[in-house]
Every structure is written in structure tokens, then in C-alpha cells.
Amino acid sequence: MGLTKPQNWFDVVLISPAMESLWRPPFRISGGTFDVLCDFLRDDLQKQNTRMRQPVSVEKRVAVGLWGLATGNSYRTCGLQFGLGKSTAKVISQEFESALYRIKNNYTRFPFTEDEVREAMDRFEELYNFPQTIGAIDGCHIEIKAPPVNKEDYLIASSFTVCNKELLTVNCIFVTLLWVILVVFMIIMQFSGISDLADNNTIPVVPVKTIQGVDLRPMLVGDIAYPLCSWLVKLFPAGAYIPVQEKI
């Protein structure tokens, strides 16, 4: 069992540019990104001084929250890393997550307005030469602790992830729990609600562009596991004979 770090280790790392290499492994972000995140959350996380004691700084609060999310460690273990008690680490982590949730729509949101859709499509086409595309869809597996009863029903948790033009995750808004491991993405998508949004024209339907005589609405792109829809383009089946023109 390793020794617990001194309680002031984080304060030393925080003020020392030479310690930049130590940021990414435990926090999963760079020191610069950490500073930006602290500024975003400062109004929500800043606590007032009292005559009894100094409050935990915003920087340490963000660090505790990130450490827990990045490592999956218990509140007790996270607290020990920063010289805090278990209950304090728990409250700080919960406040950090709540603050992130409150600002999420300012930075991670599906493009709904026509201007947002046009911007997403222009950037996607500029980078990948693929028209009328607002993003890419795929599944990601999220590890959970299954309940003691019927734990075999919780083999996989999957979140539909819509990505931006650089294929970096910007939204995980369509979440579905898989109750059997063999359920394919096509069925998962039907239960997730994204199909209803698209079919009810909630997901963007404008602007429409005519390509080779076909009117195309804004679309997502996905892999072979997804169904072919008016709003979702997928790959041709593997091994299928595809004429040269269709390949192009």
C-alpha cells in the first residue's frame, strides 16, 4: 500500500508550471484546461470566508471532483489525496458535478437552430468533404455497478454519443440501458428516443440541399450497425458487391 501524499502536494503542483506533466494522468486534462474549467465554475463553487476557517479553494474543489470522475476512487480515497475528510470530499464532488450539469447546455448541445445547423454542416464538409452532415453517432459503453438483484440484466449500459466536427464528444443526450448483451444498436436507438425526435422533425430538418436530384435534410453519419434513415447515413454492408459509382 502506497504512502498518502502530503496534504500540500496539490498546492505545490498548482502554482508550479514545471509540474504540467503531472496534470493529465490524474485529472485527464491539461493544466491550462483546468484553469479554464475553474473560471467557468467559480461563481457556483466559490465559498465565503468565515471566522472559523478558510473555505476550500475553487481549484481544490475542481481537482477533487475531477479526481473522483477520472479514477473512480471512493470519497474517502479522494479526500485523502487532498487532505480532506470523506464527507467533505463527497459534498465537494456532488457540488462540482451539479455545477457542471448546470452549465452543460452552454457548451455541449445538439445543433437545433438553423444557424447552428449550417455552421455544423459547413465545418463537417470542410474537414471531411461530406455534405449535409451535422455530426457522427456511435455508442459508448459506460461501466456501472449492477444491483444485487438480476444483475445479469445490466450487462451493458450504452449512451448514444453525438460528436462534433472533430469527432470529439459534445453530447451524450440519448441514453438507453441495455438489458441483454446481444441487443443491436438499431434496437437501442429506437428505445433511446432519438428516432422519435427525428421522425417528429425535432432534430433539424432545415436547411435542405439538393444533391444529384435528391433533397437531403441535415443528417448524422453512423457505422454499419445503425439503420438507414432519411436523417442517418450508414456504410454499405461489408462484403456486399458495390458498383464503382456507388463506391464513389
Protein backbone atom coordinates (compact mmCIF):
# COMPACT_ATOMS: atom_id res chain seq x y z
CA MET A 1 0.00 0.00 0.00
CA GLY A 2 1.49 3.34 -1.07
CA LEU A 3 2.02 6.24 1.25
CA THR A 4 -0.54 9.04 1.28
CA LYS A 5 0.70 12.17 -0.46
CA PRO A 6 1.37 15.19 1.79
CA GLN A 7 -1.70 17.38 2.12
CA ASN A 8 0.01 20.30 0.39
CA TRP A 9 1.07 18.37 -2.72
CA PHE A 10 -1.77 19.81 -4.79
CA ASP A 11 -0.94 23.41 -3.81
CA VAL A 12 2.65 22.84 -4.92
CA VAL A 13 1.58 21.39 -8.27
CA LEU A 14 -0.99 24.16 -8.77
CA ILE A 15 1.50 27.03 -8.56
CA SER A 16 4.39 25.36 -10.40
CA PRO A 17 4.42 25.48 -14.23
CA ALA A 18 7.16 22.85 -14.12
CA MET A 19 4.57 20.36 -12.85
CA GLU A 20 2.46 20.48 -16.04
CA SER A 21 3.38 16.87 -16.88
CA LEU A 22 1.65 15.73 -13.67
CA TRP A 23 -1.77 17.08 -14.64
CA ARG A 24 -3.08 14.75 -17.30
CA PRO A 25 -2.67 11.31 -15.61
CA PRO A 26 -4.82 12.03 -12.53
CA PHE A 27 -7.11 14.73 -13.92
CA ARG A 28 -7.37 13.71 -17.60
CA ILE A 29 -6.97 17.34 -18.71
CA SER A 30 -4.08 19.77 -19.09
CA GLY A 31 -3.24 22.46 -16.56
CA GLY A 32 -4.50 25.12 -18.99
CA THR A 33 -7.85 23.40 -19.41
CA PHE A 34 -8.07 23.01 -15.64
CA ASP A 35 -7.69 26.79 -15.24
CA VAL A 36 -10.44 27.43 -17.78
CA LEU A 37 -12.76 24.96 -16.04
CA CYS A 38 -12.15 26.65 -12.70
CA ASP A 39 -13.10 30.02 -14.21
CA PHE A 40 -16.29 28.53 -15.69
CA LEU A 41 -17.36 27.13 -12.31
CA ARG A 42 -16.01 29.78 -9.97
CA ASP A 43 -19.34 31.55 -9.33
CA ASP A 44 -21.00 28.22 -8.47
CA LEU A 45 -18.24 26.77 -6.31
CA GLN A 46 -16.77 29.81 -4.53
CA LYS A 47 -17.49 29.74 -0.78
CA GLN A 48 -17.40 32.66 1.64
CA ASN A 49 -14.74 33.06 4.31
CA THR A 50 -15.87 32.60 7.88
CA ARG A 51 -14.29 33.41 11.23
CA MET A 52 -13.97 29.71 11.89
CA ARG A 53 -11.82 28.68 8.91
CA GLN A 54 -10.85 29.34 5.33
CA PRO A 55 -13.04 27.64 2.71
CA VAL A 56 -11.65 25.02 0.34
CA SER A 57 -10.49 26.85 -2.77
CA VAL A 58 -12.31 26.55 -6.09
CA GLU A 59 -9.18 24.99 -7.58
CA LYS A 60 -9.09 22.24 -4.98
CA ARG A 61 -12.83 21.66 -5.32
CA VAL A 62 -12.49 21.18 -9.07
CA ALA A 63 -9.47 18.93 -8.53
CA VAL A 64 -11.37 16.72 -6.08
CA GLY A 65 -14.29 16.42 -8.49
CA LEU A 66 -12.07 15.61 -11.45
CA TRP A 67 -10.02 13.12 -9.45
CA GLY A 68 -13.13 11.18 -8.50
CA LEU A 69 -14.50 11.13 -12.04
CA ALA A 70 -11.16 10.21 -13.58
CA THR A 71 -10.17 7.45 -11.16
CA GLY A 72 -13.47 6.12 -9.83
CA ASN A 73 -11.97 6.21 -6.34
CA SER A 74 -14.14 6.35 -3.24
CA TYR A 75 -14.88 9.62 -1.48
CA ARG A 76 -12.60 8.51 1.34
CA THR A 77 -9.69 7.90 -1.03
CA CYS A 78 -10.29 11.16 -2.92
CA GLY A 79 -10.38 13.04 0.35
CA LEU A 80 -7.09 11.53 1.49
CA GLN A 81 -5.40 12.75 -1.69
CA PHE A 82 -6.29 16.35 -0.80
CA GLY A 83 -6.19 16.29 2.98
CA LEU A 84 -9.98 16.28 3.30
CA GLY A 85 -12.43 14.09 5.17
CA LYS A 86 -14.73 11.62 3.43
CA SER A 87 -17.90 13.66 3.96
CA THR A 88 -16.21 16.86 2.75
CA ALA A 89 -14.94 15.12 -0.39
CA LYS A 90 -18.45 13.76 -1.02
CA VAL A 91 -20.12 17.17 -0.74
CA ILE A 92 -17.45 18.83 -2.90
CA SER A 93 -17.73 16.15 -5.59
CA GLN A 94 -21.52 16.40 -5.70
CA GLU A 95 -21.41 20.21 -5.89
CA PHE A 96 -18.83 20.01 -8.68
CA GLU A 97 -20.96 17.60 -10.72
CA SER A 98 -24.08 19.71 -10.17
CA ALA A 99 -22.23 22.83 -11.32
CA LEU A 100 -21.05 21.07 -14.47
CA TYR A 101 -24.60 19.95 -15.17
CA ARG A 102 -25.98 23.48 -14.81
CA ILE A 103 -23.64 24.90 -17.46
CA LYS A 104 -23.61 21.93 -19.83
CA ASN A 105 -26.06 23.40 -22.33
CA ASN A 106 -23.82 26.41 -22.79
CA TYR A 107 -21.03 24.23 -24.16
CA THR A 108 -22.43 20.82 -25.14
CA ARG A 109 -25.67 20.97 -27.02
CA PHE A 110 -27.18 19.48 -30.14
CA PRO A 111 -27.41 21.99 -33.03
CA PHE A 112 -31.09 22.90 -33.26
CA THR A 113 -31.32 26.38 -34.73
CA GLU A 114 -30.82 26.82 -38.46
CA ASP A 115 -27.68 28.91 -37.91
CA GLU A 116 -26.19 26.22 -35.64
CA VAL A 117 -27.03 23.53 -38.16
CA ARG A 118 -25.48 25.45 -41.05
CA GLU A 119 -22.32 26.07 -39.07
CA ALA A 120 -22.02 22.38 -38.10
CA MET A 121 -22.58 21.21 -41.67
CA ASP A 122 -20.14 23.73 -43.16
CA ARG A 123 -17.39 22.68 -40.76
CA PHE A 124 -18.03 18.97 -41.26
CA GLU A 125 -17.94 19.32 -45.05
CA GLU A 126 -14.83 21.48 -44.90
CA LEU A 127 -12.95 18.85 -42.92
CA TYR A 128 -14.35 15.62 -44.37
CA ASN A 129 -15.85 16.62 -47.75
CA PHE A 130 -19.18 15.08 -46.68
CA PRO A 131 -22.24 17.30 -47.24
CA GLN A 132 -25.35 17.87 -45.13
CA THR A 133 -23.80 16.28 -42.04
CA ILE A 134 -24.19 17.75 -38.55
CA GLY A 135 -22.27 15.03 -36.71
CA ALA A 136 -21.44 11.38 -36.19
CA ILE A 137 -23.30 8.96 -33.95
CA ASP A 138 -21.92 5.96 -32.12
CA GLY A 139 -22.30 4.09 -28.88
CA CYS A 140 -20.05 4.16 -25.85
CA HIS A 141 -20.04 1.66 -23.02
CA ILE A 142 -20.38 3.01 -19.50
CA GLU A 143 -19.28 0.87 -16.58
CA ILE A 144 -21.83 0.70 -13.78
CA LYS A 145 -22.19 -1.21 -10.52
CA ALA A 146 -25.03 -3.65 -11.12
CA PRO A 147 -27.66 -4.08 -8.40
CA PRO A 148 -27.51 -7.37 -6.47
CA VAL A 149 -30.86 -8.49 -7.87
CA ASN A 150 -30.97 -9.62 -11.51
CA LYS A 151 -27.50 -8.24 -12.18
CA GLU A 152 -27.38 -10.22 -15.43
CA ASP A 153 -29.93 -7.75 -16.80
CA TYR A 154 -27.38 -4.95 -16.55
CA LEU A 155 -24.59 -6.32 -18.69
CA ILE A 156 -24.04 -3.13 -20.67
CA ALA A 157 -25.04 0.48 -20.32
CA SER A 158 -24.84 2.39 -23.58
CA SER A 159 -25.04 6.08 -24.31
CA PHE A 160 -25.61 7.39 -27.80
CA THR A 161 -22.94 9.95 -28.41
CA VAL A 162 -23.22 12.71 -30.98
CA CYS A 163 -19.84 14.12 -31.97
CA ASN A 164 -18.78 17.45 -33.38
CA LYS A 165 -16.78 18.19 -36.49
CA GLU A 166 -13.50 17.00 -34.97
CA LEU A 167 -15.32 13.87 -33.73
CA LEU A 168 -14.86 14.96 -30.13
CA THR A 169 -17.73 14.12 -27.84
CA VAL A 170 -20.04 17.07 -27.31
CA ASN A 171 -23.23 15.41 -26.21
CA CYS A 172 -24.47 12.25 -24.55
CA ILE A 173 -28.14 13.10 -24.54
CA PHE A 174 -29.72 9.90 -25.78
CA VAL A 175 -29.15 7.31 -23.06
CA THR A 176 -30.53 3.79 -23.02
CA LEU A 177 -29.87 0.90 -20.68
CA LEU A 178 -29.20 -2.37 -22.46
CA TRP A 179 -30.84 -5.25 -20.70
CA VAL A 180 -29.25 -8.00 -22.80
CA ILE A 181 -25.80 -8.04 -24.33
CA LEU A 182 -26.99 -9.18 -27.76
CA VAL A 183 -29.34 -6.26 -28.41
CA VAL A 184 -28.10 -4.45 -31.52
CA PHE A 185 -27.63 -0.70 -31.82
CA MET A 186 -30.62 -0.44 -34.15
CA ILE A 187 -32.98 -1.56 -31.38
CA ILE A 188 -31.17 0.50 -28.76
CA MET A 189 -31.60 3.60 -30.88
CA GLN A 190 -35.35 3.01 -31.14
CA PHE A 191 -35.63 2.91 -27.34
CA SER A 192 -33.33 5.89 -26.82
CA GLY A 193 -35.76 8.49 -28.14
CA ILE A 194 -33.54 9.86 -30.89
CA SER A 195 -35.71 8.20 -33.54
CA ASP A 196 -38.82 9.92 -32.19
CA LEU A 197 -37.09 13.30 -32.25
CA ALA A 198 -36.01 12.77 -35.84
CA ASP A 199 -39.32 11.36 -37.08
CA ASN A 200 -41.24 14.19 -35.39
CA ASN A 201 -38.94 16.74 -37.05
CA THR A 202 -37.48 17.90 -33.73
CA ILE A 203 -33.99 17.08 -34.89
CA PRO A 204 -33.09 19.65 -37.57
CA VAL A 205 -34.84 19.32 -40.92
CA VAL A 206 -33.54 22.54 -42.49
CA PRO A 207 -31.73 23.67 -44.48
CA VAL A 208 -32.41 21.16 -47.25
CA LYS A 209 -29.86 20.71 -50.03
CA THR A 210 -30.44 19.06 -53.40
CA ILE A 211 -27.62 16.68 -54.34
CA GLN A 212 -27.82 14.80 -57.66
CA GLY A 213 -31.55 15.42 -57.79
CA VAL A 214 -32.25 14.28 -54.22
CA ASP A 215 -33.41 16.64 -51.47
CA LEU A 216 -31.39 15.90 -48.34
CA ARG A 217 -32.14 17.17 -44.86
CA PRO A 218 -29.37 17.57 -42.24
CA MET A 219 -28.09 14.12 -41.31
CA LEU A 220 -25.95 12.13 -38.94
CA VAL A 221 -23.46 9.52 -40.10
CA GLY A 222 -23.08 6.13 -38.42
CA ASP A 223 -21.49 2.75 -38.92
CA ILE A 224 -22.97 -0.46 -40.27
CA ALA A 225 -24.77 -1.29 -37.01
CA TYR A 226 -27.30 1.53 -37.47
CA PRO A 227 -30.40 1.56 -39.69
CA LEU A 228 -30.52 3.63 -42.87
CA CYS A 229 -32.89 6.56 -42.36
CA SER A 230 -33.71 9.85 -44.02
CA TRP A 231 -31.66 11.50 -41.28
CA LEU A 232 -28.94 8.85 -40.79
CA VAL A 233 -26.43 7.66 -43.39
CA LYS A 234 -24.59 4.39 -42.80
CA LEU A 235 -21.89 2.37 -44.52
CA PHE A 236 -22.62 -0.17 -47.24
CA PRO A 237 -22.76 -3.74 -45.84
CA ALA A 238 -19.36 -5.37 -45.50
CA GLY A 239 -18.63 -7.83 -48.28
CA ALA A 240 -21.51 -6.67 -50.46
CA TYR A 241 -20.91 -6.12 -54.16
CA ILE A 242 -20.91 -2.38 -54.70
CA PRO A 243 -20.74 -0.87 -58.19
CA VAL A 244 -17.93 1.61 -58.74
CA GLN A 245 -20.32 4.56 -58.99
CA GLU A 246 -21.89 3.71 -55.62
CA LYS A 247 -18.44 3.40 -54.04
CA ILE A 248 -17.66 6.90 -55.28
